[in-house]
C-alpha cells in the first residue's frame, strides 16, 4: 500500500512534535492520503519513551470515523541518529494492529533535529 502524507499534516507534526519522545495518531482518507494528525499532548513522555493516552486517542479515532477518516497509525519522535523502530515500537504496533483489525499499520518516525521523516509499514 502506498501512503502519502499531506503537507498540512507534515507541517502540523513539525510544529507540535519538536522534541523526542512526543507522538500522536494519523488518519487516512479513502485515497490513502494521511489527512489527519492528532497531537497526543496528554500522553506521558520522557527523554526516551512516549506512552500514548489511549482513552483520548480512541475517542479521536471514533470521531474521525464519523468523518470518513480511518486510523492508519502513529507518529512519534526519535533523537538524532535513531532511525530504526525499537523492539518496543514494533511490539506496540503489532498489538494495535491486531486490536484494530488492521492488515498494516503505519509507524511514522520524525527526527526533529534532522527534520527527517521515516515511514515503516508493519
PDB file of N, CA and C in Angstrom:
ATOM      1  N   UNK A   1       0.842  -1.174   0.000  1.00  0.00           N
ATOM      2  CA  UNK A   1       0.000   0.000   0.000  1.00  0.00           C
ATOM      3  C   UNK A   1       0.891   1.242   0.000  1.00  0.00           C
ATOM      4  N   UNK A   2       0.628   2.156  -0.890  1.00  0.00           N
ATOM      5  CA  UNK A   2       1.364   3.423  -0.980  1.00  0.00           C
ATOM      6  C   UNK A   2       0.599   4.471  -0.180  1.00  0.00           C
ATOM      7  N   UNK A   3       1.249   5.042   0.810  1.00  0.00           N
ATOM      8  CA  UNK A   3       0.622   6.053   1.650  1.00  0.00           C
ATOM      9  C   UNK A   3       1.349   7.372   1.461  1.00  0.00           C
ATOM     10  N   UNK A   4       0.576   8.411   1.176  1.00  0.00           N
ATOM     11  CA  UNK A   4       1.129   9.755   1.037  1.00  0.00           C
ATOM     12  C   UNK A   4       0.681  10.572   2.245  1.00  0.00           C
ATOM     13  N   UNK A   5       1.521  11.466   2.700  1.00  0.00           N
ATOM     14  CA  UNK A   5       1.207  12.310   3.848  1.00  0.00           C
ATOM     15  C   UNK A   5       1.053  13.736   3.357  1.00  0.00           C
ATOM     16  N   UNK A   6      -0.090  14.340   3.668  1.00  0.00           N
ATOM     17  CA  UNK A   6      -0.350  15.698   3.185  1.00  0.00           C
ATOM     18  C   UNK A   6       0.633  16.687   3.807  1.00  0.00           C
ATOM     19  N   UNK A   7       0.884  17.759   3.086  1.00  0.00           N
ATOM     20  CA  UNK A   7       1.782  18.807   3.585  1.00  0.00           C
ATOM     21  C   UNK A   7       1.240  19.422   4.873  1.00  0.00           C
ATOM     22  N   UNK A   8      -0.075  19.525   4.981  1.00  0.00           N
ATOM     23  CA  UNK A   8      -0.694  20.079   6.192  1.00  0.00           C
ATOM     24  C   UNK A   8      -0.336  19.231   7.403  1.00  0.00           C
ATOM     25  N   UNK A   9      -0.389  17.915   7.239  1.00  0.00           N
ATOM     26  CA  UNK A   9      -0.042  17.013   8.340  1.00  0.00           C
ATOM     27  C   UNK A   9       1.452  17.104   8.650  1.00  0.00           C
ATOM     28  N   UNK A  10       2.290  17.100   7.625  1.00  0.00           N
ATOM     29  CA  UNK A  10       3.744  17.231   7.843  1.00  0.00           C
ATOM     30  C   UNK A  10       4.047  18.497   8.642  1.00  0.00           C
ATOM     31  N   UNK A  11       3.450  19.609   8.248  1.00  0.00           N
ATOM     32  CA  UNK A  11       3.692  20.879   8.935  1.00  0.00           C
ATOM     33  C   UNK A  11       3.184  20.848  10.375  1.00  0.00           C
ATOM     34  N   UNK A  12       2.035  20.218  10.614  1.00  0.00           N
ATOM     35  CA  UNK A  12       1.482  20.113  11.969  1.00  0.00           C
ATOM     36  C   UNK A  12       2.382  19.259  12.856  1.00  0.00           C
ATOM     37  N   UNK A  13       2.919  18.197  12.303  1.00  0.00           N
ATOM     38  CA  UNK A  13       3.839  17.348  13.064  1.00  0.00           C
ATOM     39  C   UNK A  13       5.096  18.140  13.425  1.00  0.00           C
ATOM     40  N   UNK A  14       5.675  18.831  12.455  1.00  0.00           N
ATOM     41  CA  UNK A  14       6.883  19.626  12.708  1.00  0.00           C
ATOM     42  C   UNK A  14       6.633  20.688  13.787  1.00  0.00           C
ATOM     43  N   UNK A  15       5.454  21.283  13.747  1.00  0.00           N
ATOM     44  CA  UNK A  15       5.102  22.342  14.681  1.00  0.00           C
ATOM     45  C   UNK A  15       4.874  21.809  16.099  1.00  0.00           C
ATOM     46  N   UNK A  16       4.283  20.633  16.214  1.00  0.00           N
ATOM     47  CA  UNK A  16       3.876  20.111  17.519  1.00  0.00           C
ATOM     48  C   UNK A  16       4.833  19.108  18.152  1.00  0.00           C
ATOM     49  N   UNK A  17       5.584  18.412  17.331  1.00  0.00           N
ATOM     50  CA  UNK A  17       6.468  17.369  17.861  1.00  0.00           C
ATOM     51  C   UNK A  17       7.921  17.762  17.644  1.00  0.00           C
ATOM     52  N   UNK A  18       8.404  18.671  18.474  1.00  0.00           N
ATOM     53  CA  UNK A  18       9.750  19.179  18.245  1.00  0.00           C
ATOM     54  C   UNK A  18      10.816  18.580  19.150  1.00  0.00           C
ATOM     55  N   UNK A  19      10.435  17.703  20.052  1.00  0.00           N
ATOM     56  CA  UNK A  19      11.406  17.060  20.931  1.00  0.00           C
ATOM     57  C   UNK A  19      11.153  15.555  20.972  1.00  0.00           C
ATOM     58  N   UNK A  20      12.210  14.768  21.147  1.00  0.00           N
ATOM     59  CA  UNK A  20      11.985  13.347  21.418  1.00  0.00           C
ATOM     60  C   UNK A  20      11.454  13.226  22.841  1.00  0.00           C
ATOM     61  N   UNK A  21      10.716  12.401  23.222  1.00  0.00           N
ATOM     62  CA  UNK A  21       9.778  11.480  22.639  1.00  0.00           C
ATOM     63  C   UNK A  21       8.388  12.092  22.734  1.00  0.00           C
ATOM     64  N   UNK A  22       7.835  12.481  21.660  1.00  0.00           N
ATOM     65  CA  UNK A  22       6.471  13.003  21.563  1.00  0.00           C
ATOM     66  C   UNK A  22       5.770  12.194  20.491  1.00  0.00           C
ATOM     67  N   UNK A  23       4.441  12.273  20.459  1.00  0.00           N
ATOM     68  CA  UNK A  23       3.755  11.477  19.454  1.00  0.00           C
ATOM     69  C   UNK A  23       2.311  11.859  19.232  1.00  0.00           C
ATOM     70  N   UNK A  24       1.683  11.091  18.340  1.00  0.00           N
ATOM     71  CA  UNK A  24       0.288  11.305  18.012  1.00  0.00           C
ATOM     72  C   UNK A  24      -0.190  10.234  17.061  1.00  0.00           C
ATOM     73  N   UNK A  25      -1.435  10.387  16.618  1.00  0.00           N
ATOM     74  CA  UNK A  25      -2.019   9.409  15.703  1.00  0.00           C
ATOM     75  C   UNK A  25      -2.285  10.035  14.343  1.00  0.00           C
ATOM     76  N   UNK A  26      -2.450   9.160  13.365  1.00  0.00           N
ATOM     77  CA  UNK A  26      -2.640   9.579  11.976  1.00  0.00           C
ATOM     78  C   UNK A  26      -3.908   8.973  11.408  1.00  0.00           C
ATOM     79  N   UNK A  27      -4.607   9.770  10.607  1.00  0.00           N
ATOM     80  CA  UNK A  27      -5.817   9.310   9.937  1.00  0.00           C
ATOM     81  C   UNK A  27      -5.663   9.441   8.440  1.00  0.00           C
ATOM     82  N   UNK A  28      -6.237   8.482   7.721  1.00  0.00           N
ATOM     83  CA  UNK A  28      -6.079   8.406   6.273  1.00  0.00           C
ATOM     84  C   UNK A  28      -7.451   8.466   5.599  1.00  0.00           C
ATOM     85  N   UNK A  29      -7.495   9.102   4.425  1.00  0.00           N
ATOM     86  CA  UNK A  29      -8.747   9.152   3.664  1.00  0.00           C
ATOM     87  C   UNK A  29      -8.835   7.955   2.721  1.00  0.00           C
ATOM     88  N   UNK A  30      -9.874   7.910   1.916  1.00  0.00           N
ATOM     89  CA  UNK A  30     -10.114   6.764   1.024  1.00  0.00           C
ATOM     90  C   UNK A  30      -9.046   6.614  -0.061  1.00  0.00           C
ATOM     91  N   UNK A  31      -8.254   7.662  -0.309  1.00  0.00           N
ATOM     92  CA  UNK A  31      -7.183   7.610  -1.309  1.00  0.00           C
ATOM     93  C   UNK A  31      -5.818   7.285  -0.698  1.00  0.00           C
ATOM     94  N   UNK A  32      -5.815   6.854   0.560  1.00  0.00           N
ATOM     95  CA  UNK A  32      -4.587   6.539   1.304  1.00  0.00           C
ATOM     96  C   UNK A  32      -3.673   7.754   1.440  1.00  0.00           C
ATOM     97  N   UNK A  33      -4.289   8.907   1.655  1.00  0.00           N
ATOM     98  CA  UNK A  33      -3.550  10.124   1.967  1.00  0.00           C
ATOM     99  C   UNK A  33      -3.787  10.429   3.442  1.00  0.00           C
ATOM    100  N   UNK A  34      -2.702  10.585   4.185  1.00  0.00           N
ATOM    101  CA  UNK A  34      -2.834  10.945   5.587  1.00  0.00           C
ATOM    102  C   UNK A  34      -3.248  12.412   5.642  1.00  0.00           C
ATOM    103  N   UNK A  35      -4.481  12.628   6.098  1.00  0.00           N
ATOM    104  CA  UNK A  35      -5.054  13.974   6.147  1.00  0.00           C
ATOM    105  C   UNK A  35      -5.298  14.456   7.566  1.00  0.00           C
ATOM    106  N   UNK A  36      -5.118  13.564   8.535  1.00  0.00           N
ATOM    107  CA  UNK A  36      -5.377  13.930   9.931  1.00  0.00           C
ATOM    108  C   UNK A  36      -4.184  13.556  10.809  1.00  0.00           C
ATOM    109  N   UNK A  37      -3.887  14.459  11.708  1.00  0.00           N
ATOM    110  CA  UNK A  37      -2.878  14.239  12.744  1.00  0.00           C
ATOM    111  C   UNK A  37      -3.462  14.749  14.046  1.00  0.00           C
ATOM    112  N   UNK A  38      -3.370  13.938  15.075  1.00  0.00           N
ATOM    113  CA  UNK A  38      -3.772  14.390  16.406  1.00  0.00           C
ATOM    114  C   UNK A  38      -2.550  14.327  17.306  1.00  0.00           C
ATOM    115  N   UNK A  39      -2.176  15.470  17.850  1.00  0.00           N
ATOM    116  CA  UNK A  39      -1.040  15.589  18.754  1.00  0.00           C
ATOM    117  C   UNK A  39      -1.462  15.070  20.129  1.00  0.00           C
ATOM    118  N   UNK A  40      -0.835  14.018  20.580  1.00  0.00           N
ATOM    119  CA  UNK A  40      -1.162  13.415  21.873  1.00  0.00           C
ATOM    120  C   UNK A  40      -0.482  14.196  22.999  1.00  0.00           C
ATOM    121  N   UNK A  41      -0.999  15.376  23.274  1.00  0.00           N
ATOM    122  CA  UNK A  41      -0.396  16.255  24.285  1.00  0.00           C
ATOM    123  C   UNK A  41      -0.642  15.754  25.709  1.00  0.00           C
ATOM    124  N   UNK A  42      -1.563  14.816  25.895  1.00  0.00           N
ATOM    125  CA  UNK A  42      -1.832  14.280  27.226  1.00  0.00           C
ATOM    126  C   UNK A  42      -1.157  12.925  27.450  1.00  0.00           C
ATOM    127  N   UNK A  43      -0.430  12.447  26.448  1.00  0.00           N
ATOM    128  CA  UNK A  43       0.351  11.218  26.620  1.00  0.00           C
ATOM    129  C   UNK A  43       1.527  11.481  27.549  1.00  0.00           C
ATOM    130  N   UNK A  44       2.067  10.425  28.093  1.00  0.00           N
ATOM    131  CA  UNK A  44       3.210  10.542  29.005  1.00  0.00           C
ATOM    132  C   UNK A  44       4.494  10.475  28.179  1.00  0.00           C
ATOM    133  N   UNK A  45       5.373  11.433  28.410  1.00  0.00           N
ATOM    134  CA  UNK A  45       6.636  11.457  27.674  1.00  0.00           C
ATOM    135  C   UNK A  45       7.806  11.618  28.632  1.00  0.00           C
ATOM    136  N   UNK A  46       8.891  10.954  28.268  1.00  0.00           N
ATOM    137  CA  UNK A  46      10.161  11.117  28.972  1.00  0.00           C
ATOM    138  C   UNK A  46      11.215  11.349  27.887  1.00  0.00           C
ATOM    139  N   UNK A  47      12.461  11.423  28.258  1.00  0.00           N
ATOM    140  CA  UNK A  47      13.509  11.606  27.257  1.00  0.00           C
ATOM    141  C   UNK A  47      13.660  10.399  26.347  1.00  0.00           C
ATOM    142  N   UNK A  48      13.187   9.236  26.801  1.00  0.00           N
ATOM    143  CA  UNK A  48      13.386   8.032  25.992  1.00  0.00           C
ATOM    144  C   UNK A  48      12.113   7.230  25.741  1.00  0.00           C
ATOM    145  N   UNK A  49      10.949   7.787  26.100  1.00  0.00           N
ATOM    146  CA  UNK A  49       9.732   6.997  25.954  1.00  0.00           C
ATOM    147  C   UNK A  49       8.498   7.869  25.755  1.00  0.00           C
ATOM    148  N   UNK A  50       7.583   7.374  24.926  1.00  0.00           N
ATOM    149  CA  UNK A  50       6.287   8.006  24.706  1.00  0.00           C
ATOM    150  C   UNK A  50       5.211   6.966  25.001  1.00  0.00           C
ATOM    151  N   UNK A  51       4.320   7.269  25.940  1.00  0.00           N
ATOM    152  CA  UNK A  51       3.225   6.374  26.299  1.00  0.00           C
ATOM    153  C   UNK A  51       1.924   7.089  25.940  1.00  0.00           C
ATOM    154  N   UNK A  52       1.222   6.604  24.911  1.00  0.00           N
ATOM    155  CA  UNK A  52       0.008   7.280  24.437  1.00  0.00           C
ATOM    156  C   UNK A  52      -1.116   7.325  25.480  1.00  0.00           C
ATOM    157  N   UNK A  53      -1.938   8.359  25.384  1.00  0.00           N
ATOM    158  CA  UNK A  53      -3.165   8.482  26.177  1.00  0.00           C
ATOM    159  C   UNK A  53      -4.256   7.727  25.411  1.00  0.00           C
ATOM    160  N   UNK A  54      -4.345   6.443  25.649  1.00  0.00           N
ATOM    161  CA  UNK A  54      -5.194   5.547  24.860  1.00  0.00           C
ATOM    162  C   UNK A  54      -6.659   5.964  24.894  1.00  0.00           C
ATOM    163  N   UNK A  55      -7.152   6.345  26.053  1.00  0.00           N
ATOM    164  CA  UNK A  55      -8.568   6.733  26.167  1.00  0.00           C
ATOM    165  C   UNK A  55      -8.878   7.926  25.256  1.00  0.00           C
ATOM    166  N   UNK A  56      -8.039   8.932  25.299  1.00  0.00           N
ATOM    167  CA  UNK A  56      -8.241  10.129  24.468  1.00  0.00           C
ATOM    168  C   UNK A  56      -8.104   9.792  22.980  1.00  0.00           C
ATOM    169  N   UNK A  57      -7.075   9.011  22.642  1.00  0.00           N
ATOM    170  CA  UNK A  57      -6.846   8.680  21.233  1.00  0.00           C
ATOM    171  C   UNK A  57      -7.988   7.847  20.662  1.00  0.00           C
ATOM    172  N   UNK A  58      -8.537   6.930  21.454  1.00  0.00           N
ATOM    173  CA  UNK A  58      -9.677   6.142  20.975  1.00  0.00           C
ATOM    174  C   UNK A  58     -10.879   7.032  20.676  1.00  0.00           C
ATOM    175  N   UNK A  59     -11.099   8.056  21.498  1.00  0.00           N
ATOM    176  CA  UNK A  59     -12.201   8.995  21.251  1.00  0.00           C
ATOM    177  C   UNK A  59     -11.981   9.764  19.949  1.00  0.00           C
ATOM    178  N   UNK A  60     -10.742  10.177  19.699  1.00  0.00           N
ATOM    179  CA  UNK A  60     -10.407  10.888  18.455  1.00  0.00           C
ATOM    180  C   UNK A  60     -10.650   9.969  17.255  1.00  0.00           C
ATOM    181  N   UNK A  61     -10.213   8.719  17.356  1.00  0.00           N
ATOM    182  CA  UNK A  61     -10.395   7.759  16.262  1.00  0.00           C
ATOM    183  C   UNK A  61     -11.880   7.560  15.958  1.00  0.00           C
ATOM    184  N   UNK A  62     -12.707   7.490  16.992  1.00  0.00           N
ATOM    185  CA  UNK A  62     -14.151   7.340  16.791  1.00  0.00           C
ATOM    186  C   UNK A  62     -14.738   8.563  16.084  1.00  0.00           C
ATOM    187  N   UNK A  63     -14.288   9.745  16.451  1.00  0.00           N
ATOM    188  CA  UNK A  63     -14.764  10.970  15.788  1.00  0.00           C
ATOM    189  C   UNK A  63     -14.316  11.016  14.329  1.00  0.00           C
ATOM    190  N   UNK A  64     -13.087  10.612  14.062  1.00  0.00           N
ATOM    191  CA  UNK A  64     -12.607  10.572  12.683  1.00  0.00           C
ATOM    192  C   UNK A  64     -13.465   9.644  11.837  1.00  0.00           C
ATOM    193  N   UNK A  65     -13.840   8.500  12.397  1.00  0.00           N
ATOM    194  CA  UNK A  65     -14.645   7.528  11.651  1.00  0.00           C
ATOM    195  C   UNK A  65     -15.955   8.154  11.196  1.00  0.00           C
ATOM    196  N   UNK A  66     -16.526   9.023  11.993  1.00  0.00           N
ATOM    197  CA  UNK A  66     -17.765   9.716  11.617  1.00  0.00           C
ATOM    198  C   UNK A  66     -17.548  10.650  10.428  1.00  0.00           C
ATOM    199  N   UNK A  67     -16.301  11.077  10.239  1.00  0.00           N
ATOM    200  CA  UNK A  67     -15.934  11.958   9.123  1.00  0.00           C
ATOM    201  C   UNK A  67     -15.435  11.176   7.909  1.00  0.00           C
ATOM    202  N   UNK A  68     -15.403   9.851   8.002  1.00  0.00           N
ATOM    203  CA  UNK A  68     -14.904   9.033   6.901  1.00  0.00           C
ATOM    204  C   UNK A  68     -13.390   8.903   6.873  1.00  0.00           C
ATOM    205  N   UNK A  69     -12.749   9.195   7.990  1.00  0.00           N
ATOM    206  CA  UNK A  69     -11.297   9.096   8.098  1.00  0.00           C
ATOM    207  C   UNK A  69     -10.968   7.868   8.948  1.00  0.00           C
ATOM    208  N   UNK A  70     -10.031   7.051   8.464  1.00  0.00           N
ATOM    209  CA  UNK A  70      -9.650   5.825   9.166  1.00  0.00           C
ATOM    210  C   UNK A  70      -8.313   5.988   9.882  1.00  0.00           C
ATOM    211  N   UNK A  71      -8.235   5.435  11.061  1.00  0.00           N
ATOM    212  CA  UNK A  71      -6.971   5.381  11.788  1.00  0.00           C
ATOM    213  C   UNK A  71      -6.005   4.517  10.988  1.00  0.00           C
ATOM    214  N   UNK A  72      -4.785   5.028  10.757  1.00  0.00           N
ATOM    215  CA  UNK A  72      -3.789   4.288   9.979  1.00  0.00           C
ATOM    216  C   UNK A  72      -2.524   4.002  10.788  1.00  0.00           C
ATOM    217  N   UNK A  73      -2.299   4.773  11.868  1.00  0.00           N
ATOM    218  CA  UNK A  73      -1.100   4.512  12.645  1.00  0.00           C
ATOM    219  C   UNK A  73      -0.674   5.669  13.522  1.00  0.00           C
ATOM    220  N   UNK A  74       0.590   5.598  13.902  1.00  0.00           N
ATOM    221  CA  UNK A  74       1.180   6.538  14.852  1.00  0.00           C
ATOM    222  C   UNK A  74       2.354   7.286  14.241  1.00  0.00           C
ATOM    223  N   UNK A  75       2.606   8.447  14.803  1.00  0.00           N
ATOM    224  CA  UNK A  75       3.841   9.170  14.559  1.00  0.00           C
ATOM    225  C   UNK A  75       4.455   9.422  15.923  1.00  0.00           C
ATOM    226  N   UNK A  76       5.754   9.269  16.011  1.00  0.00           N
ATOM    227  CA  UNK A  76       6.450   9.679  17.226  1.00  0.00           C
ATOM    228  C   UNK A  76       7.873  10.076  16.869  1.00  0.00           C
ATOM    229  N   UNK A  77       8.461  10.811  17.775  1.00  0.00           N
ATOM    230  CA  UNK A  77       9.788  11.363  17.507  1.00  0.00           C
ATOM    231  C   UNK A  77      10.880  10.488  18.106  1.00  0.00           C
ATOM    232  N   UNK A  78      12.019  10.571  17.474  1.00  0.00           N
ATOM    233  CA  UNK A  78      13.231   9.919  17.963  1.00  0.00           C
ATOM    234  C   UNK A  78      14.351  10.950  17.970  1.00  0.00           C
ATOM    235  N   UNK A  79      15.366  10.716  18.775  1.00  0.00           N
ATOM    236  CA  UNK A  79      16.509  11.634  18.779  1.00  0.00           C
ATOM    237  C   UNK A  79      17.349  11.489  17.508  1.00  0.00           C
ATOM    238  N   UNK A  80      18.179  12.463  17.270  1.00  0.00           N
ATOM    239  CA  UNK A  80      19.080  12.468  16.113  1.00  0.00           C
ATOM    240  C   UNK A  80      19.853  11.156  16.033  1.00  0.00           C
ATOM    241  N   UNK A  81      19.889  10.595  14.827  1.00  0.00           N
ATOM    242  CA  UNK A  81      20.644   9.378  14.590  1.00  0.00           C
ATOM    243  C   UNK A  81      19.906   8.088  14.899  1.00  0.00           C
ATOM    244  N   UNK A  82      18.702   8.179  15.434  1.00  0.00           N
ATOM    245  CA  UNK A  82      17.933   6.984  15.796  1.00  0.00           C
ATOM    246  C   UNK A  82      16.832   6.761  14.751  1.00  0.00           C
ATOM    247  N   UNK A  83      17.209   6.084  13.662  1.00  0.00           N
ATOM    248  CA  UNK A  83      16.325   5.950  12.506  1.00  0.00           C
ATOM    249  C   UNK A  83      15.570   4.630  12.439  1.00  0.00           C
ATOM    250  N   UNK A  84      15.723   3.790  13.423  1.00  0.00           N
ATOM    251  CA  UNK A  84      15.051   2.491  13.417  1.00  0.00           C
ATOM    252  C   UNK A  84      13.998   2.446  14.516  1.00  0.00           C
ATOM    253  N   UNK A  85      12.939   1.680  14.255  1.00  0.00           N
ATOM    254  CA  UNK A  85      11.954   1.432  15.297  1.00  0.00           C
ATOM    255  C   UNK A  85      12.593   0.549  16.362  1.00  0.00           C
ATOM    256  N   UNK A  86      12.279   0.818  17.613  1.00  0.00           N
ATOM    257  CA  UNK A  86      12.775  -0.028  18.691  1.00  0.00           C
ATOM    258  C   UNK A  86      11.943  -1.308  18.747  1.00  0.00           C
ATOM    259  N   UNK A  87      12.418  -2.292  19.472  1.00  0.00           N
ATOM    260  CA  UNK A  87      11.646  -3.526  19.630  1.00  0.00           C
ATOM    261  C   UNK A  87      10.323  -3.233  20.330  1.00  0.00           C
ATOM    262  N   UNK A  88      10.303  -2.269  21.261  1.00  0.00           N
ATOM    263  CA  UNK A  88       9.051  -1.879  21.921  1.00  0.00           C
ATOM    264  C   UNK A  88       8.094  -1.200  20.936  1.00  0.00           C
ATOM    265  N   UNK A  89       8.630  -0.371  20.028  1.00  0.00           N
ATOM    266  CA  UNK A  89       7.798   0.256  18.990  1.00  0.00           C
ATOM    267  C   UNK A  89       7.110  -0.820  18.153  1.00  0.00           C
ATOM    268  N   UNK A  90       7.866  -1.812  17.737  1.00  0.00           N
ATOM    269  CA  UNK A  90       7.334  -2.873  16.874  1.00  0.00           C
ATOM    270  C   UNK A  90       6.313  -3.713  17.635  1.00  0.00           C
ATOM    271  N   UNK A  91       6.613  -4.048  18.872  1.00  0.00           N
ATOM    272  CA  UNK A  91       5.687  -4.833  19.694  1.00  0.00           C
ATOM    273  C   UNK A  91       4.368  -4.080  19.872  1.00  0.00           C
ATOM    274  N   UNK A  92       4.460  -2.781  20.158  1.00  0.00           N
ATOM    275  CA  UNK A  92       3.262  -1.951  20.339  1.00  0.00           C
ATOM    276  C   UNK A  92       2.465  -1.883  19.040  1.00  0.00           C
ATOM    277  N   UNK A  93       3.146  -1.699  17.922  1.00  0.00           N
ATOM    278  CA  UNK A  93       2.478  -1.635  16.620  1.00  0.00           C
ATOM    279  C   UNK A  93       1.724  -2.931  16.331  1.00  0.00           C
ATOM    280  N   UNK A  94       2.348  -4.057  16.614  1.00  0.00           N
ATOM    281  CA  UNK A  94       1.697  -5.348  16.384  1.00  0.00           C
ATOM    282  C   UNK A  94       0.436  -5.497  17.234  1.00  0.00           C
ATOM    283  N   UNK A  95       0.492  -5.062  18.490  1.00  0.00           N
ATOM    284  CA  UNK A  95      -0.679  -5.142  19.370  1.00  0.00           C
ATOM    285  C   UNK A  95      -1.817  -4.275  18.848  1.00  0.00           C
ATOM    286  N   UNK A  96      -1.495  -3.055  18.456  1.00  0.00           N
ATOM    287  CA  UNK A  96      -2.522  -2.123  17.962  1.00  0.00           C
ATOM    288  C   UNK A  96      -3.100  -2.637  16.644  1.00  0.00           C
ATOM    289  N   UNK A  97      -2.260  -3.148  15.782  1.00  0.00           N
ATOM    290  CA  UNK A  97      -2.704  -3.693  14.501  1.00  0.00           C
ATOM    291  C   UNK A  97      -3.725  -4.809  14.739  1.00  0.00           C
ATOM    292  N   UNK A  98      -3.442  -5.676  15.677  1.00  0.00           N
ATOM    293  CA  UNK A  98      -4.353  -6.774  15.996  1.00  0.00           C
ATOM    294  C   UNK A  98      -5.641  -6.248  16.609  1.00  0.00           C
ATOM    295  N   UNK A  99      -5.540  -5.363  17.589  1.00  0.00           N
ATOM    296  CA  UNK A  99      -6.716  -4.835  18.277  1.00  0.00           C
ATOM    297  C   UNK A  99      -7.630  -4.038  17.350  1.00  0.00           C
ATOM    298  N   UNK A 100      -7.036  -3.349  16.386  1.00  0.00           N
ATOM    299  CA  UNK A 100      -7.819  -2.528  15.456  1.00  0.00           C
ATOM    300  C   UNK A 100      -8.184  -3.283  14.175  1.00  0.00           C
ATOM    301  N   UNK A 101      -7.771  -4.551  14.110  1.00  0.00           N
ATOM    302  CA  UNK A 101      -8.083  -5.388  12.949  1.00  0.00           C
ATOM    303  C   UNK A 101      -7.570  -4.766  11.643  1.00  0.00           C
ATOM    304  N   UNK A 102      -6.319  -4.296  11.673  1.00  0.00           N
ATOM    305  CA  UNK A 102      -5.687  -3.692  10.505  1.00  0.00           C
ATOM    306  C   UNK A 102      -4.773  -4.708   9.834  1.00  0.00           C
ATOM    307  N   UNK A 103      -4.685  -4.657   8.512  1.00  0.00           N
ATOM    308  CA  UNK A 103      -3.738  -5.523   7.816  1.00  0.00           C
ATOM    309  C   UNK A 103      -2.325  -4.952   7.904  1.00  0.00           C
ATOM    310  N   UNK A 104      -2.217  -3.628   7.952  1.00  0.00           N
ATOM    311  CA  UNK A 104      -0.934  -2.938   8.118  1.00  0.00           C
ATOM    312  C   UNK A 104      -1.154  -1.714   8.990  1.00  0.00           C
ATOM    313  N   UNK A 105      -0.120  -1.334   9.694  1.00  0.00           N
ATOM    314  CA  UNK A 105      -0.170  -0.111  10.486  1.00  0.00           C
ATOM    315  C   UNK A 105       1.051   0.738  10.112  1.00  0.00           C
ATOM    316  N   UNK A 106       0.831   2.026   9.971  1.00  0.00           N
ATOM    317  CA  UNK A 106       1.906   2.960   9.653  1.00  0.00           C
ATOM    318  C   UNK A 106       2.549   3.443  10.943  1.00  0.00           C
ATOM    319  N   UNK A 107       3.854   3.278  11.019  1.00  0.00           N
ATOM    320  CA  UNK A 107       4.632   3.835  12.117  1.00  0.00           C
ATOM    321  C   UNK A 107       5.549   4.879  11.483  1.00  0.00           C
ATOM    322  N   UNK A 108       5.229   6.131  11.711  1.00  0.00           N
ATOM    323  CA  UNK A 108       5.984   7.235  11.138  1.00  0.00           C
ATOM    324  C   UNK A 108       6.926   7.785  12.208  1.00  0.00           C
ATOM    325  N   UNK A 109       8.201   7.782  11.907  1.00  0.00           N
ATOM    326  CA  UNK A 109       9.188   8.373  12.801  1.00  0.00           C
ATOM    327  C   UNK A 109       9.522   9.768  12.298  1.00  0.00           C
ATOM    328  N   UNK A 110       9.629  10.689  13.232  1.00  0.00           N
ATOM    329  CA  UNK A 110      10.075  12.032  12.900  1.00  0.00           C
ATOM    330  C   UNK A 110      11.279  12.333  13.779  1.00  0.00           C
ATOM    331  N   UNK A 111      12.355  12.755  13.138  1.00  0.00           N
ATOM    332  CA  UNK A 111      13.573  13.128  13.854  1.00  0.00           C
ATOM    333  C   UNK A 111      13.699  14.648  13.745  1.00  0.00           C
ATOM    334  N   UNK A 112      13.215  15.369  14.771  1.00  0.00           N
ATOM    335  CA  UNK A 112      13.166  16.837  14.692  1.00  0.00           C
ATOM    336  C   UNK A 112      14.514  17.487  14.420  1.00  0.00           C
ATOM    337  N   UNK A 113      15.579  16.990  15.028  1.00  0.00           N
ATOM    338  CA  UNK A 113      16.903  17.610  14.863  1.00  0.00           C
ATOM    339  C   UNK A 113      17.375  17.567  13.413  1.00  0.00           C
ATOM    340  N   UNK A 114      16.841  16.640  12.634  1.00  0.00           N
ATOM    341  CA  UNK A 114      17.230  16.496  11.230  1.00  0.00           C
ATOM    342  C   UNK A 114      16.073  16.823  10.272  1.00  0.00           C
ATOM    343  N   UNK A 115      14.905  17.157  10.837  1.00  0.00           N
ATOM    344  CA  UNK A 115      13.680  17.341  10.045  1.00  0.00           C
ATOM    345  C   UNK A 115      13.485  16.193   9.070  1.00  0.00           C
ATOM    346  N   UNK A 116      13.655  14.979   9.574  1.00  0.00           N
ATOM    347  CA  UNK A 116      13.602  13.769   8.758  1.00  0.00           C
ATOM    348  C   UNK A 116      12.406  12.927   9.158  1.00  0.00           C
ATOM    349  N   UNK A 117      11.674  12.426   8.148  1.00  0.00           N
ATOM    350  CA  UNK A 117      10.560  11.516   8.345  1.00  0.00           C
ATOM    351  C   UNK A 117      10.912  10.155   7.764  1.00  0.00           C
ATOM    352  N   UNK A 118      10.570   9.101   8.488  1.00  0.00           N
ATOM    353  CA  UNK A 118      10.794   7.731   8.042  1.00  0.00           C
ATOM    354  C   UNK A 118       9.505   6.948   8.218  1.00  0.00           C
ATOM    355  N   UNK A 119       9.050   6.294   7.151  1.00  0.00           N
ATOM    356  CA  UNK A 119       7.811   5.515   7.195  1.00  0.00           C
ATOM    357  C   UNK A 119       8.119   4.032   7.321  1.00  0.00           C
ATOM    358  N   UNK A 120       7.411   3.392   8.234  1.00  0.00           N
ATOM    359  CA  UNK A 120       7.503   1.940   8.383  1.00  0.00           C
ATOM    360  C   UNK A 120       6.090   1.381   8.374  1.00  0.00           C
ATOM    361  N   UNK A 121       5.834   0.419   7.504  1.00  0.00           N
ATOM    362  CA  UNK A 121       4.551  -0.286   7.489  1.00  0.00           C
ATOM    363  C   UNK A 121       4.785  -1.653   8.139  1.00  0.00           C
ATOM    364  N   UNK A 122       4.001  -1.930   9.132  1.00  0.00           N
ATOM    365  CA  UNK A 122       4.147  -3.187   9.857  1.00  0.00           C
ATOM    366  C   UNK A 122       2.883  -4.017   9.655  1.00  0.00           C
TER     367      UNK A 122
END
